[in-house]
Amino acid sequence: MDKFTAEESESVQFLEPQHLKQWLTQDDLPLIIDVTGENNALTAFAVNAEDAISIPITEFASLINELDPDRPTVVVCQLGQKSFNAAQRLIESDYSCVYSLHGGLEAWKRMLEGSQ
């Protein structure tokens, strides 16, 4: 698989699970923000990210200014809708490289099950 290259955009970009899997094997790791509200969601879904944080969607807006707007960021949730909404908030706050995991952690799980 080719190297995944993050691209800046003025809108939320959708990231397919297989592209996130590839990206997580590279040196230029994104910040992953889990907005499910479950502290162990990333671990439960076997997302092995060195730099991941969990922020409940209800607290998300108040923490946006504490993050680096120039760092590539992937927002994840269970099915993809909350992560898209949170990613949109980041774009509105002048973040330059924001992705929402397409299909959420459920799509990630299906991708892992299909690759076994």
PDB file of N, CA and C in Angstrom:
ATOM      1  N   MET A   1       0.848  -1.180   0.000  1.00  0.00           N
ATOM      2  CA  MET A   1       0.000   0.000   0.000  1.00  0.00           C
ATOM      3  C   MET A   1       0.891   1.240   0.000  1.00  0.00           C
ATOM      4  N   ASP A   2       0.505   2.233  -0.767  1.00  0.00           N
ATOM      5  CA  ASP A   2       1.262   3.469  -0.840  1.00  0.00           C
ATOM      6  C   ASP A   2       1.170   4.235   0.470  1.00  0.00           C
ATOM      7  N   LYS A   3       2.099   5.148   0.632  1.00  0.00           N
ATOM      8  CA  LYS A   3       2.107   6.003   1.816  1.00  0.00           C
ATOM      9  C   LYS A   3       0.900   6.942   1.774  1.00  0.00           C
ATOM     10  N   PHE A   4       0.250   7.108   2.926  1.00  0.00           N
ATOM     11  CA  PHE A   4      -0.851   8.056   3.013  1.00  0.00           C
ATOM     12  C   PHE A   4      -0.266   9.446   3.215  1.00  0.00           C
ATOM     13  N   THR A   5      -0.755  10.408   2.448  1.00  0.00           N
ATOM     14  CA  THR A   5      -0.292  11.782   2.559  1.00  0.00           C
ATOM     15  C   THR A   5      -1.456  12.674   2.963  1.00  0.00           C
ATOM     16  N   ALA A   6      -1.321  13.324   4.114  1.00  0.00           N
ATOM     17  CA  ALA A   6      -2.360  14.240   4.591  1.00  0.00           C
ATOM     18  C   ALA A   6      -2.347  15.500   3.736  1.00  0.00           C
ATOM     19  N   GLU A   7      -3.537  16.023   3.487  1.00  0.00           N
ATOM     20  CA  GLU A   7      -3.660  17.230   2.688  1.00  0.00           C
ATOM     21  C   GLU A   7      -4.482  18.270   3.433  1.00  0.00           C
ATOM     22  N   GLU A   8      -4.046  19.521   3.329  1.00  0.00           N
ATOM     23  CA  GLU A   8      -4.813  20.599   3.936  1.00  0.00           C
ATOM     24  C   GLU A   8      -6.065  20.859   3.101  1.00  0.00           C
ATOM     25  N   SER A   9      -7.117  21.316   3.779  1.00  0.00           N
ATOM     26  CA  SER A   9      -8.374  21.597   3.103  1.00  0.00           C
ATOM     27  C   SER A   9      -9.188  22.561   3.949  1.00  0.00           C
ATOM     28  N   GLU A  10     -10.057  23.294   3.303  1.00  0.00           N
ATOM     29  CA  GLU A  10     -10.944  24.211   4.020  1.00  0.00           C
ATOM     30  C   GLU A  10     -12.242  23.534   4.428  1.00  0.00           C
ATOM     31  N   SER A  11     -12.324  22.217   4.207  1.00  0.00           N
ATOM     32  CA  SER A  11     -13.513  21.474   4.609  1.00  0.00           C
ATOM     33  C   SER A  11     -13.086  20.141   5.222  1.00  0.00           C
ATOM     34  N   VAL A  12     -14.024  19.500   5.893  1.00  0.00           N
ATOM     35  CA  VAL A  12     -13.758  18.199   6.504  1.00  0.00           C
ATOM     36  C   VAL A  12     -13.535  17.177   5.396  1.00  0.00           C
ATOM     37  N   GLN A  13     -12.519  16.364   5.569  1.00  0.00           N
ATOM     38  CA  GLN A  13     -12.236  15.298   4.622  1.00  0.00           C
ATOM     39  C   GLN A  13     -12.596  13.959   5.271  1.00  0.00           C
ATOM     40  N   PHE A  14     -13.129  13.056   4.485  1.00  0.00           N
ATOM     41  CA  PHE A  14     -13.435  11.719   5.001  1.00  0.00           C
ATOM     42  C   PHE A  14     -12.222  10.824   4.807  1.00  0.00           C
ATOM     43  N   LEU A  15     -11.918  10.048   5.837  1.00  0.00           N
ATOM     44  CA  LEU A  15     -10.785   9.142   5.804  1.00  0.00           C
ATOM     45  C   LEU A  15     -11.302   7.721   5.914  1.00  0.00           C
ATOM     46  N   GLU A  16     -10.996   6.914   4.929  1.00  0.00           N
ATOM     47  CA  GLU A  16     -11.414   5.514   4.946  1.00  0.00           C
ATOM     48  C   GLU A  16     -10.581   4.749   5.978  1.00  0.00           C
ATOM     49  N   PRO A  17     -11.163   3.744   6.624  1.00  0.00           N
ATOM     50  CA  PRO A  17     -10.437   2.991   7.651  1.00  0.00           C
ATOM     51  C   PRO A  17      -9.089   2.437   7.173  1.00  0.00           C
ATOM     52  N   GLN A  18      -9.026   1.921   5.948  1.00  0.00           N
ATOM     53  CA  GLN A  18      -7.761   1.352   5.473  1.00  0.00           C
ATOM     54  C   GLN A  18      -6.689   2.423   5.311  1.00  0.00           C
ATOM     55  N   HIS A  19      -7.094   3.676   5.020  1.00  0.00           N
ATOM     56  CA  HIS A  19      -6.117   4.759   4.917  1.00  0.00           C
ATOM     57  C   HIS A  19      -5.613   5.163   6.305  1.00  0.00           C
ATOM     58  N   LEU A  20      -6.495   5.152   7.299  1.00  0.00           N
ATOM     59  CA  LEU A  20      -6.050   5.427   8.665  1.00  0.00           C
ATOM     60  C   LEU A  20      -5.087   4.334   9.127  1.00  0.00           C
ATOM     61  N   LYS A  21      -5.395   3.106   8.819  1.00  0.00           N
ATOM     62  CA  LYS A  21      -4.510   1.999   9.192  1.00  0.00           C
ATOM     63  C   LYS A  21      -3.119   2.215   8.597  1.00  0.00           C
ATOM     64  N   GLN A  22      -3.064   2.599   7.340  1.00  0.00           N
ATOM     65  CA  GLN A  22      -1.779   2.874   6.686  1.00  0.00           C
ATOM     66  C   GLN A  22      -1.071   4.047   7.354  1.00  0.00           C
ATOM     67  N   TRP A  23      -1.813   5.122   7.613  1.00  0.00           N
ATOM     68  CA  TRP A  23      -1.238   6.331   8.209  1.00  0.00           C
ATOM     69  C   TRP A  23      -0.615   6.025   9.568  1.00  0.00           C
ATOM     70  N   LEU A  24      -1.236   5.151  10.326  1.00  0.00           N
ATOM     71  CA  LEU A  24      -0.746   4.825  11.665  1.00  0.00           C
ATOM     72  C   LEU A  24       0.556   4.020  11.648  1.00  0.00           C
ATOM     73  N   THR A  25       0.985   3.576  10.467  1.00  0.00           N
ATOM     74  CA  THR A  25       2.259   2.873  10.353  1.00  0.00           C
ATOM     75  C   THR A  25       3.394   3.805   9.955  1.00  0.00           C
ATOM     76  N   GLN A  26       3.092   5.053   9.710  1.00  0.00           N
ATOM     77  CA  GLN A  26       4.065   6.016   9.209  1.00  0.00           C
ATOM     78  C   GLN A  26       4.630   6.879  10.342  1.00  0.00           C
ATOM     79  N   ASP A  27       5.630   7.677   9.996  1.00  0.00           N
ATOM     80  CA  ASP A  27       6.269   8.550  10.980  1.00  0.00           C
ATOM     81  C   ASP A  27       5.459   9.807  11.283  1.00  0.00           C
ATOM     82  N   ASP A  28       4.696  10.282  10.343  1.00  0.00           N
ATOM     83  CA  ASP A  28       3.948  11.544  10.486  1.00  0.00           C
ATOM     84  C   ASP A  28       2.542  11.296  11.049  1.00  0.00           C
ATOM     85  N   LEU A  29       2.490  10.785  12.262  1.00  0.00           N
ATOM     86  CA  LEU A  29       1.216  10.381  12.853  1.00  0.00           C
ATOM     87  C   LEU A  29       0.286  11.565  13.099  1.00  0.00           C
ATOM     88  N   PRO A  30      -1.005  11.351  12.848  1.00  0.00           N
ATOM     89  CA  PRO A  30      -1.983  12.396  13.153  1.00  0.00           C
ATOM     90  C   PRO A  30      -2.363  12.359  14.630  1.00  0.00           C
ATOM     91  N   LEU A  31      -2.969  13.427  15.082  1.00  0.00           N
ATOM     92  CA  LEU A  31      -3.634  13.410  16.383  1.00  0.00           C
ATOM     93  C   LEU A  31      -4.990  12.764  16.148  1.00  0.00           C
ATOM     94  N   ILE A  32      -5.340  11.792  16.956  1.00  0.00           N
ATOM     95  CA  ILE A  32      -6.656  11.164  16.847  1.00  0.00           C
ATOM     96  C   ILE A  32      -7.480  11.618  18.034  1.00  0.00           C
ATOM     97  N   ILE A  33      -8.651  12.155  17.734  1.00  0.00           N
ATOM     98  CA  ILE A  33      -9.565  12.607  18.777  1.00  0.00           C
ATOM     99  C   ILE A  33     -10.789  11.713  18.756  1.00  0.00           C
ATOM    100  N   ASP A  34     -11.004  11.030  19.852  1.00  0.00           N
ATOM    101  CA  ASP A  34     -12.157  10.142  20.017  1.00  0.00           C
ATOM    102  C   ASP A  34     -13.259  10.930  20.725  1.00  0.00           C
ATOM    103  N   VAL A  35     -14.398  11.103  20.073  1.00  0.00           N
ATOM    104  CA  VAL A  35     -15.510  11.853  20.669  1.00  0.00           C
ATOM    105  C   VAL A  35     -16.667  10.942  21.086  1.00  0.00           C
ATOM    106  N   THR A  36     -16.382   9.648  21.234  1.00  0.00           N
ATOM    107  CA  THR A  36     -17.452   8.724  21.633  1.00  0.00           C
ATOM    108  C   THR A  36     -17.908   8.958  23.065  1.00  0.00           C
ATOM    109  N   GLY A  37     -17.018   9.493  23.890  1.00  0.00           N
ATOM    110  CA  GLY A  37     -17.341   9.660  25.301  1.00  0.00           C
ATOM    111  C   GLY A  37     -16.979   8.452  26.134  1.00  0.00           C
ATOM    112  N   GLU A  38     -16.441   7.432  25.484  1.00  0.00           N
ATOM    113  CA  GLU A  38     -16.013   6.218  26.179  1.00  0.00           C
ATOM    114  C   GLU A  38     -14.487   6.222  26.252  1.00  0.00           C
ATOM    115  N   ASN A  39     -13.944   6.219  27.449  1.00  0.00           N
ATOM    116  CA  ASN A  39     -12.500   6.340  27.619  1.00  0.00           C
ATOM    117  C   ASN A  39     -11.694   5.239  26.939  1.00  0.00           C
ATOM    118  N   ASN A  40     -12.255   4.075  26.814  1.00  0.00           N
ATOM    119  CA  ASN A  40     -11.492   2.964  26.245  1.00  0.00           C
ATOM    120  C   ASN A  40     -11.949   2.578  24.840  1.00  0.00           C
ATOM    121  N   ALA A  41     -12.674   3.442  24.157  1.00  0.00           N
ATOM    122  CA  ALA A  41     -13.210   3.082  22.840  1.00  0.00           C
ATOM    123  C   ALA A  41     -12.113   2.749  21.841  1.00  0.00           C
ATOM    124  N   LEU A  42     -11.052   3.537  21.795  1.00  0.00           N
ATOM    125  CA  LEU A  42      -9.989   3.263  20.822  1.00  0.00           C
ATOM    126  C   LEU A  42      -9.312   1.928  21.108  1.00  0.00           C
ATOM    127  N   THR A  43      -9.068   1.637  22.365  1.00  0.00           N
ATOM    128  CA  THR A  43      -8.466   0.361  22.734  1.00  0.00           C
ATOM    129  C   THR A  43      -9.408  -0.794  22.415  1.00  0.00           C
ATOM    130  N   ALA A  44     -10.673  -0.609  22.719  1.00  0.00           N
ATOM    131  CA  ALA A  44     -11.666  -1.658  22.462  1.00  0.00           C
ATOM    132  C   ALA A  44     -11.766  -1.987  20.975  1.00  0.00           C
ATOM    133  N   PHE A  45     -11.535  -0.990  20.126  1.00  0.00           N
ATOM    134  CA  PHE A  45     -11.615  -1.204  18.685  1.00  0.00           C
ATOM    135  C   PHE A  45     -10.236  -1.416  18.062  1.00  0.00           C
ATOM    136  N   ALA A  46      -9.226  -1.642  18.901  1.00  0.00           N
ATOM    137  CA  ALA A  46      -7.863  -1.956  18.445  1.00  0.00           C
ATOM    138  C   ALA A  46      -7.273  -0.864  17.565  1.00  0.00           C
ATOM    139  N   VAL A  47      -7.532   0.397  17.919  1.00  0.00           N
ATOM    140  CA  VAL A  47      -6.874   1.509  17.241  1.00  0.00           C
ATOM    141  C   VAL A  47      -5.611   1.792  18.042  1.00  0.00           C
ATOM    142  N   ASN A  48      -4.475   1.404  17.483  1.00  0.00           N
ATOM    143  CA  ASN A  48      -3.205   1.580  18.173  1.00  0.00           C
ATOM    144  C   ASN A  48      -2.577   2.893  17.738  1.00  0.00           C
ATOM    145  N   ALA A  49      -2.968   3.946  18.397  1.00  0.00           N
ATOM    146  CA  ALA A  49      -2.452   5.267  18.065  1.00  0.00           C
ATOM    147  C   ALA A  49      -1.636   5.787  19.236  1.00  0.00           C
ATOM    148  N   GLU A  50      -0.432   6.235  18.923  1.00  0.00           N
ATOM    149  CA  GLU A  50       0.440   6.755  19.968  1.00  0.00           C
ATOM    150  C   GLU A  50      -0.066   8.075  20.519  1.00  0.00           C
ATOM    151  N   ASP A  51      -0.686   8.861  19.666  1.00  0.00           N
ATOM    152  CA  ASP A  51      -1.128  10.182  20.094  1.00  0.00           C
ATOM    153  C   ASP A  51      -2.634  10.310  19.876  1.00  0.00           C
ATOM    154  N   ALA A  52      -3.372   9.828  20.846  1.00  0.00           N
ATOM    155  CA  ALA A  52      -4.830   9.864  20.770  1.00  0.00           C
ATOM    156  C   ALA A  52      -5.384  10.399  22.076  1.00  0.00           C
ATOM    157  N   ILE A  53      -6.459  11.144  21.961  1.00  0.00           N
ATOM    158  CA  ILE A  53      -7.125  11.664  23.152  1.00  0.00           C
ATOM    159  C   ILE A  53      -8.613  11.399  23.046  1.00  0.00           C
ATOM    160  N   SER A  54      -9.239  11.298  24.189  1.00  0.00           N
ATOM    161  CA  SER A  54     -10.677  11.096  24.248  1.00  0.00           C
ATOM    162  C   SER A  54     -11.310  12.345  24.833  1.00  0.00           C
ATOM    163  N   ILE A  55     -12.193  12.957  24.062  1.00  0.00           N
ATOM    164  CA  ILE A  55     -12.908  14.153  24.502  1.00  0.00           C
ATOM    165  C   ILE A  55     -14.395  13.920  24.239  1.00  0.00           C
ATOM    166  N   PRO A  56     -15.214  13.822  25.266  1.00  0.00           N
ATOM    167  CA  PRO A  56     -16.651  13.672  25.022  1.00  0.00           C
ATOM    168  C   PRO A  56     -17.166  14.842  24.171  1.00  0.00           C
ATOM    169  N   ILE A  57     -18.065  14.550  23.282  1.00  0.00           N
ATOM    170  CA  ILE A  57     -18.583  15.574  22.372  1.00  0.00           C
ATOM    171  C   ILE A  57     -19.147  16.774  23.138  1.00  0.00           C
ATOM    172  N   THR A  58     -19.650  16.535  24.336  1.00  0.00           N
ATOM    173  CA  THR A  58     -20.213  17.622  25.145  1.00  0.00           C
ATOM    174  C   THR A  58     -19.151  18.588  25.644  1.00  0.00           C
ATOM    175  N   GLU A  59     -17.894  18.163  25.682  1.00  0.00           N
ATOM    176  CA  GLU A  59     -16.795  19.013  26.150  1.00  0.00           C
ATOM    177  C   GLU A  59     -15.903  19.477  25.008  1.00  0.00           C
ATOM    178  N   PHE A  60     -16.198  19.027  23.815  1.00  0.00           N
ATOM    179  CA  PHE A  60     -15.314  19.245  22.675  1.00  0.00           C
ATOM    180  C   PHE A  60     -15.066  20.729  22.393  1.00  0.00           C
ATOM    181  N   ALA A  61     -16.110  21.518  22.300  1.00  0.00           N
ATOM    182  CA  ALA A  61     -15.967  22.928  21.929  1.00  0.00           C
ATOM    183  C   ALA A  61     -15.084  23.698  22.901  1.00  0.00           C
ATOM    184  N   SER A  62     -15.142  23.348  24.172  1.00  0.00           N
ATOM    185  CA  SER A  62     -14.363  24.087  25.157  1.00  0.00           C
ATOM    186  C   SER A  62     -12.876  23.722  25.126  1.00  0.00           C
ATOM    187  N   LEU A  63     -12.507  22.646  24.442  1.00  0.00           N
ATOM    188  CA  LEU A  63     -11.116  22.216  24.407  1.00  0.00           C
ATOM    189  C   LEU A  63     -10.419  22.478  23.069  1.00  0.00           C
ATOM    190  N   ILE A  64     -11.141  22.991  22.100  1.00  0.00           N
ATOM    191  CA  ILE A  64     -10.573  23.205  20.770  1.00  0.00           C
ATOM    192  C   ILE A  64      -9.321  24.081  20.815  1.00  0.00           C
ATOM    193  N   ASN A  65      -9.337  25.128  21.614  1.00  0.00           N
ATOM    194  CA  ASN A  65      -8.217  26.066  21.646  1.00  0.00           C
ATOM    195  C   ASN A  65      -6.968  25.494  22.300  1.00  0.00           C
ATOM    196  N   GLU A  66      -7.076  24.346  22.930  1.00  0.00           N
ATOM    197  CA  GLU A  66      -5.921  23.722  23.575  1.00  0.00           C
ATOM    198  C   GLU A  66      -5.145  22.816  22.620  1.00  0.00           C
ATOM    199  N   LEU A  67      -5.651  22.610  21.423  1.00  0.00           N
ATOM    200  CA  LEU A  67      -5.030  21.712  20.457  1.00  0.00           C
ATOM    201  C   LEU A  67      -4.296  22.510  19.381  1.00  0.00           C
ATOM    202  N   ASP A  68      -3.404  21.851  18.662  1.00  0.00           N
ATOM    203  CA  ASP A  68      -2.610  22.489  17.609  1.00  0.00           C
ATOM    204  C   ASP A  68      -3.396  22.504  16.296  1.00  0.00           C
ATOM    205  N   PRO A  69      -3.791  23.694  15.815  1.00  0.00           N
ATOM    206  CA  PRO A  69      -4.594  23.761  14.590  1.00  0.00           C
ATOM    207  C   PRO A  69      -3.826  23.401  13.321  1.00  0.00           C
ATOM    208  N   ASP A  70      -2.502  23.328  13.403  1.00  0.00           N
ATOM    209  CA  ASP A  70      -1.697  22.999  12.221  1.00  0.00           C
ATOM    210  C   ASP A  70      -1.352  21.517  12.115  1.00  0.00           C
ATOM    211  N   ARG A  71      -1.704  20.763  13.130  1.00  0.00           N
ATOM    212  CA  ARG A  71      -1.398  19.333  13.115  1.00  0.00           C
ATOM    213  C   ARG A  71      -2.512  18.550  12.423  1.00  0.00           C
ATOM    214  N   PRO A  72      -2.172  17.631  11.533  1.00  0.00           N
ATOM    215  CA  PRO A  72      -3.202  16.775  10.947  1.00  0.00           C
ATOM    216  C   PRO A  72      -3.969  16.044  12.053  1.00  0.00           C
ATOM    217  N   THR A  73      -5.295  16.067  11.941  1.00  0.00           N
ATOM    218  CA  THR A  73      -6.158  15.547  12.995  1.00  0.00           C
ATOM    219  C   THR A  73      -7.226  14.642  12.398  1.00  0.00           C
ATOM    220  N   VAL A  74      -7.461  13.512  13.051  1.00  0.00           N
ATOM    221  CA  VAL A  74      -8.522  12.595  12.666  1.00  0.00           C
ATOM    222  C   VAL A  74      -9.488  12.498  13.838  1.00  0.00           C
ATOM    223  N   VAL A  75     -10.759  12.770  13.576  1.00  0.00           N
ATOM    224  CA  VAL A  75     -11.785  12.678  14.612  1.00  0.00           C
ATOM    225  C   VAL A  75     -12.578  11.401  14.377  1.00  0.00           C
ATOM    226  N   VAL A  76     -12.795  10.640  15.459  1.00  0.00           N
ATOM    227  CA  VAL A  76     -13.506   9.367  15.344  1.00  0.00           C
ATOM    228  C   VAL A  76     -14.643   9.292  16.354  1.00  0.00           C
ATOM    229  N   CYS A  77     -15.671   8.538  15.989  1.00  0.00           N
ATOM    230  CA  CYS A  77     -16.774   8.232  16.900  1.00  0.00           C
ATOM    231  C   CYS A  77     -17.282   6.837  16.533  1.00  0.00           C
ATOM    232  N   GLN A  78     -18.398   6.452  17.059  1.00  0.00           N
ATOM    233  CA  GLN A  78     -18.928   5.111  16.824  1.00  0.00           C
ATOM    234  C   GLN A  78     -19.309   4.872  15.357  1.00  0.00           C
ATOM    235  N   LEU A  79     -20.104   5.788  14.786  1.00  0.00           N
ATOM    236  CA  LEU A  79     -20.625   5.577  13.425  1.00  0.00           C
ATOM    237  C   LEU A  79     -20.205   6.634  12.410  1.00  0.00           C
ATOM    238  N   GLY A  80     -19.665   7.753  12.869  1.00  0.00           N
ATOM    239  CA  GLY A  80     -19.186   8.767  11.944  1.00  0.00           C
ATOM    240  C   GLY A  80     -19.887  10.109  11.978  1.00  0.00           C
ATOM    241  N   GLN A  81     -21.104  10.185  12.501  1.00  0.00           N
ATOM    242  CA  GLN A  81     -21.835  11.458  12.491  1.00  0.00           C
ATOM    243  C   GLN A  81     -21.278  12.454  13.508  1.00  0.00           C
ATOM    244  N   LYS A  82     -21.063  12.014  14.745  1.00  0.00           N
ATOM    245  CA  LYS A  82     -20.510  12.921  15.762  1.00  0.00           C
ATOM    246  C   LYS A  82     -19.112  13.375  15.379  1.00  0.00           C
ATOM    247  N   SER A  83     -18.329  12.483  14.811  1.00  0.00           N
ATOM    248  CA  SER A  83     -16.970  12.869  14.427  1.00  0.00           C
ATOM    249  C   SER A  83     -17.004  13.893  13.298  1.00  0.00           C
ATOM    250  N   PHE A  84     -17.931  13.752  12.366  1.00  0.00           N
ATOM    251  CA  PHE A  84     -18.045  14.748  11.301  1.00  0.00           C
ATOM    252  C   PHE A  84     -18.415  16.109  11.889  1.00  0.00           C
ATOM    253  N   ASN A  85     -19.372  16.128  12.804  1.00  0.00           N
ATOM    254  CA  ASN A  85     -19.778  17.395  13.425  1.00  0.00           C
ATOM    255  C   ASN A  85     -18.622  18.028  14.205  1.00  0.00           C
ATOM    256  N   ALA A  86     -17.876  17.216  14.942  1.00  0.00           N
ATOM    257  CA  ALA A  86     -16.726  17.727  15.693  1.00  0.00           C
ATOM    258  C   ALA A  86     -15.637  18.219  14.740  1.00  0.00           C
ATOM    259  N   ALA A  87     -15.408  17.478  13.678  1.00  0.00           N
ATOM    260  CA  ALA A  87     -14.410  17.883  12.684  1.00  0.00           C
ATOM    261  C   ALA A  87     -14.808  19.214  12.040  1.00  0.00           C
ATOM    262  N   GLN A  88     -16.095  19.388  11.802  1.00  0.00           N
ATOM    263  CA  GLN A  88     -16.586  20.654  11.240  1.00  0.00           C
ATOM    264  C   GLN A  88     -16.278  21.816  12.184  1.00  0.00           C
ATOM    265  N   ARG A  89     -16.414  21.587  13.487  1.00  0.00           N
ATOM    266  CA  ARG A  89     -16.080  22.633  14.474  1.00  0.00           C
ATOM    267  C   ARG A  89     -14.601  22.999  14.384  1.00  0.00           C
ATOM    268  N   LEU A  90     -13.749  21.995  14.162  1.00  0.00           N
ATOM    269  CA  LEU A  90     -12.320  22.273  14.019  1.00  0.00           C
ATOM    270  C   LEU A  90     -12.053  23.124  12.779  1.00  0.00           C
ATOM    271  N   ILE A  91     -12.690  22.785  11.675  1.00  0.00           N
ATOM    272  CA  ILE A  91     -12.536  23.572  10.444  1.00  0.00           C
ATOM    273  C   ILE A  91     -12.985  25.013  10.687  1.00  0.00           C
ATOM    274  N   GLU A  92     -14.109  25.184  11.357  1.00  0.00           N
ATOM    275  CA  GLU A  92     -14.610  26.527  11.660  1.00  0.00           C
ATOM    276  C   GLU A  92     -13.669  27.295  12.582  1.00  0.00           C
ATOM    277  N   SER A  93     -12.812  26.577  13.301  1.00  0.00           N
ATOM    278  CA  SER A  93     -11.832  27.197  14.201  1.00  0.00           C
ATOM    279  C   SER A  93     -10.452  27.306  13.540  1.00  0.00           C
ATOM    280  N   ASP A  94     -10.435  27.254  12.225  1.00  0.00           N
ATOM    281  CA  ASP A  94      -9.226  27.451  11.411  1.00  0.00           C
ATOM    282  C   ASP A  94      -8.199  26.326  11.494  1.00  0.00           C
ATOM    283  N   TYR A  95      -8.642  25.111  11.762  1.00  0.00           N
ATOM    284  CA  TYR A  95      -7.751  23.971  11.635  1.00  0.00           C
ATOM    285  C   TYR A  95      -7.592  23.687  10.156  1.00  0.00           C
ATOM    286  N   SER A  96      -6.410  23.263   9.744  1.00  0.00           N
ATOM    287  CA  SER A  96      -6.130  23.185   8.313  1.00  0.00           C
ATOM    288  C   SER A  96      -6.154  21.779   7.711  1.00  0.00           C
ATOM    289  N   CYS A  97      -6.069  20.748   8.542  1.00  0.00           N
ATOM    290  CA  CYS A  97      -5.994  19.384   8.007  1.00  0.00           C
ATOM    291  C   CYS A  97      -6.804  18.462   8.914  1.00  0.00           C
ATOM    292  N   VAL A  98      -8.102  18.350   8.617  1.00  0.00           N
ATOM    293  CA  VAL A  98      -9.027  17.649   9.503  1.00  0.00           C
ATOM    294  C   VAL A  98      -9.747  16.537   8.744  1.00  0.00           C
ATOM    295  N   TYR A  99      -9.740  15.361   9.342  1.00  0.00           N
ATOM    296  CA  TYR A  99     -10.414  14.204   8.773  1.00  0.00           C
ATOM    297  C   TYR A  99     -11.430  13.652   9.762  1.00  0.00           C
ATOM    298  N   SER A 100     -12.491  13.077   9.213  1.00  0.00           N
ATOM    299  CA  SER A 100     -13.464  12.320   9.995  1.00  0.00           C
ATOM    300  C   SER A 100     -13.388  10.885   9.491  1.00  0.00           C
ATOM    301  N   LEU A 101     -13.272   9.944  10.426  1.00  0.00           N
ATOM    302  CA  LEU A 101     -13.191   8.536  10.026  1.00  0.00           C
ATOM    303  C   LEU A 101     -14.521   8.108   9.423  1.00  0.00           C
ATOM    304  N   HIS A 102     -14.512   7.806   8.142  1.00  0.00           N
ATOM    305  CA  HIS A 102     -15.725   7.448   7.413  1.00  0.00           C
ATOM    306  C   HIS A 102     -16.298   6.139   7.944  1.00  0.00           C
ATOM    307  N   GLY A 103     -17.518   6.197   8.454  1.00  0.00           N
ATOM    308  CA  GLY A 103     -18.165   5.005   9.011  1.00  0.00           C
ATOM    309  C   GLY A 103     -17.830   4.767  10.474  1.00  0.00           C
ATOM    310  N   GLY A 104     -16.952   5.600  11.033  1.00  0.00           N
ATOM    311  CA  GLY A 104     -16.625   5.526  12.448  1.00  0.00           C
ATOM    312  C   GLY A 104     -15.889   4.256  12.850  1.00  0.00           C
ATOM    313  N   LEU A 105     -15.874   4.019  14.140  1.00  0.00           N
ATOM    314  CA  LEU A 105     -15.170   2.857  14.680  1.00  0.00           C
ATOM    315  C   LEU A 105     -15.821   1.540  14.262  1.00  0.00           C
ATOM    316  N   GLU A 106     -17.106   1.593  13.931  1.00  0.00           N
ATOM    317  CA  GLU A 106     -17.763   0.375  13.429  1.00  0.00           C
ATOM    318  C   GLU A 106     -17.170  -0.032  12.083  1.00  0.00           C
ATOM    319  N   ALA A 107     -16.895   0.938  11.204  1.00  0.00           N
ATOM    320  CA  ALA A 107     -16.271   0.640   9.913  1.00  0.00           C
ATOM    321  C   ALA A 107     -14.833   0.163  10.123  1.00  0.00           C
ATOM    322  N   TRP A 108     -14.144   0.766  11.108  1.00  0.00           N
ATOM    323  CA  TRP A 108     -12.781   0.326  11.456  1.00  0.00           C
ATOM    324  C   TRP A 108     -12.803  -1.149  11.868  1.00  0.00           C
ATOM    325  N   LYS A 109     -13.772  -1.505  12.716  1.00  0.00           N
ATOM    326  CA  LYS A 109     -13.898  -2.882  13.194  1.00  0.00           C
ATOM    327  C   LYS A 109     -14.163  -3.840  12.032  1.00  0.00           C
ATOM    328  N   ARG A 110     -15.068  -3.456  11.125  1.00  0.00           N
ATOM    329  CA  ARG A 110     -15.367  -4.305   9.962  1.00  0.00           C
ATOM    330  C   ARG A 110     -14.125  -4.490   9.090  1.00  0.00           C
ATOM    331  N   MET A 111     -13.328  -3.414   8.929  1.00  0.00           N
ATOM    332  CA  MET A 111     -12.125  -3.500   8.133  1.00  0.00           C
ATOM    333  C   MET A 111     -11.139  -4.483   8.776  1.00  0.00           C
ATOM    334  N   LEU A 112     -10.975  -4.407  10.098  1.00  0.00           N
ATOM    335  CA  LEU A 112     -10.068  -5.326  10.790  1.00  0.00           C
ATOM    336  C   LEU A 112     -10.543  -6.773  10.666  1.00  0.00           C
ATOM    337  N   GLU A 113     -11.849  -6.987  10.825  1.00  0.00           N
ATOM    338  CA  GLU A 113     -12.405  -8.342  10.721  1.00  0.00           C
ATOM    339  C   GLU A 113     -12.228  -8.898   9.332  1.00  0.00           C
ATOM    340  N   GLY A 114     -12.300  -8.035   8.325  1.00  0.00           N
ATOM    341  CA  GLY A 114     -12.139  -8.471   6.943  1.00  0.00           C
ATOM    342  C   GLY A 114     -10.709  -8.775   6.572  1.00  0.00           C
ATOM    343  N   SER A 115      -9.757  -8.242   7.335  1.00  0.00           N
ATOM    344  CA  SER A 115      -8.346  -8.459   6.998  1.00  0.00           C
ATOM    345  C   SER A 115      -7.734  -9.620   7.759  1.00  0.00           C
ATOM    346  N   GLN A 116      -8.536 -10.319   8.550  1.00  0.00           N
ATOM    347  CA  GLN A 116      -8.000 -11.448   9.316  1.00  0.00           C
ATOM    348  C   GLN A 116      -8.146 -12.738   8.563  1.00  0.00           C
TER     349      GLN A 116
END
